[in-house]
Amino acid sequence: MHKKINNPKSQTLDSKIALENAVSVSGMLLTTECVITGVKSVEPAMPMGGGMPGMM
């Protein structure tokens, strides 16, 4: 089994990048007027039945 040597400089760099990304996203959210997180499609259900139209 191999052990991985943790590099403190690499971990600091990773946390710095994560913090910069979080600040960028939060800044964008603060400057926009609205945020869309999910869109539901509102489509009418297909009518039941079959056959030829107009034959009722």
Protein backbone atom coordinates (compact mmCIF):
# COMPACT_ATOMS: atom_id res chain seq x y z
CA MET A 1 0.00 0.00 0.00
CA HIS A 2 1.37 3.42 -0.92
CA LYS A 3 1.03 6.40 1.36
CA LYS A 4 0.44 9.80 -0.14
CA ILE A 5 2.55 12.64 1.22
CA ASN A 6 0.38 15.69 1.86
CA ASN A 7 1.90 18.90 0.62
CA PRO A 8 0.79 21.86 2.80
CA LYS A 9 1.45 24.32 -0.03
CA SER A 10 -0.81 22.36 -2.38
CA GLN A 11 -3.61 22.26 0.19
CA THR A 12 -3.28 26.01 0.76
CA LEU A 13 -3.44 26.62 -2.99
CA ASP A 14 -6.54 24.41 -3.32
CA SER A 15 -8.31 26.29 -0.51
CA LYS A 16 -7.33 29.62 -2.07
CA ILE A 17 -8.80 28.59 -5.43
CA ALA A 18 -12.00 27.33 -3.75
CA LEU A 19 -12.34 30.61 -1.85
CA GLU A 20 -11.78 32.66 -5.02
CA ASN A 21 -14.47 30.64 -6.84
CA ALA A 22 -16.93 31.12 -3.97
CA VAL A 23 -16.29 34.87 -3.90
CA SER A 24 -16.76 35.07 -7.67
CA VAL A 25 -20.10 33.25 -7.56
CA SER A 26 -21.39 35.25 -4.59
CA GLY A 27 -20.38 38.51 -6.28
CA MET A 28 -22.24 37.52 -9.41
CA LEU A 29 -25.36 36.63 -7.40
CA LEU A 30 -25.25 39.97 -5.57
CA THR A 31 -25.02 41.99 -8.79
CA THR A 32 -27.80 40.24 -10.71
CA GLU A 33 -31.44 41.10 -10.22
CA CYS A 34 -32.74 37.54 -10.33
CA VAL A 35 -31.44 34.00 -10.22
CA ILE A 36 -33.09 31.02 -11.90
CA THR A 37 -32.26 27.82 -10.08
CA GLY A 38 -34.67 25.42 -11.73
CA VAL A 39 -37.29 25.59 -14.44
CA LYS A 40 -40.37 23.39 -14.45
CA SER A 41 -42.00 22.85 -17.80
CA VAL A 42 -45.70 23.59 -17.69
CA GLU A 43 -47.18 21.69 -20.58
CA PRO A 44 -50.76 20.47 -20.74
CA ALA A 45 -51.20 16.74 -20.55
CA MET A 46 -52.04 14.92 -23.74
CA PRO A 47 -55.79 14.35 -24.06
CA MET A 48 -56.95 10.78 -23.62
CA GLY A 49 -58.48 8.97 -26.51
CA GLY A 50 -57.54 7.93 -29.92
CA GLY A 51 -59.01 7.35 -33.30
CA MET A 52 -59.86 9.98 -35.81
CA PRO A 53 -60.51 13.56 -34.74
CA GLY A 54 -64.10 14.76 -34.93
CA MET A 55 -65.64 11.30 -34.64
CA MET A 56 -67.52 11.60 -31.34
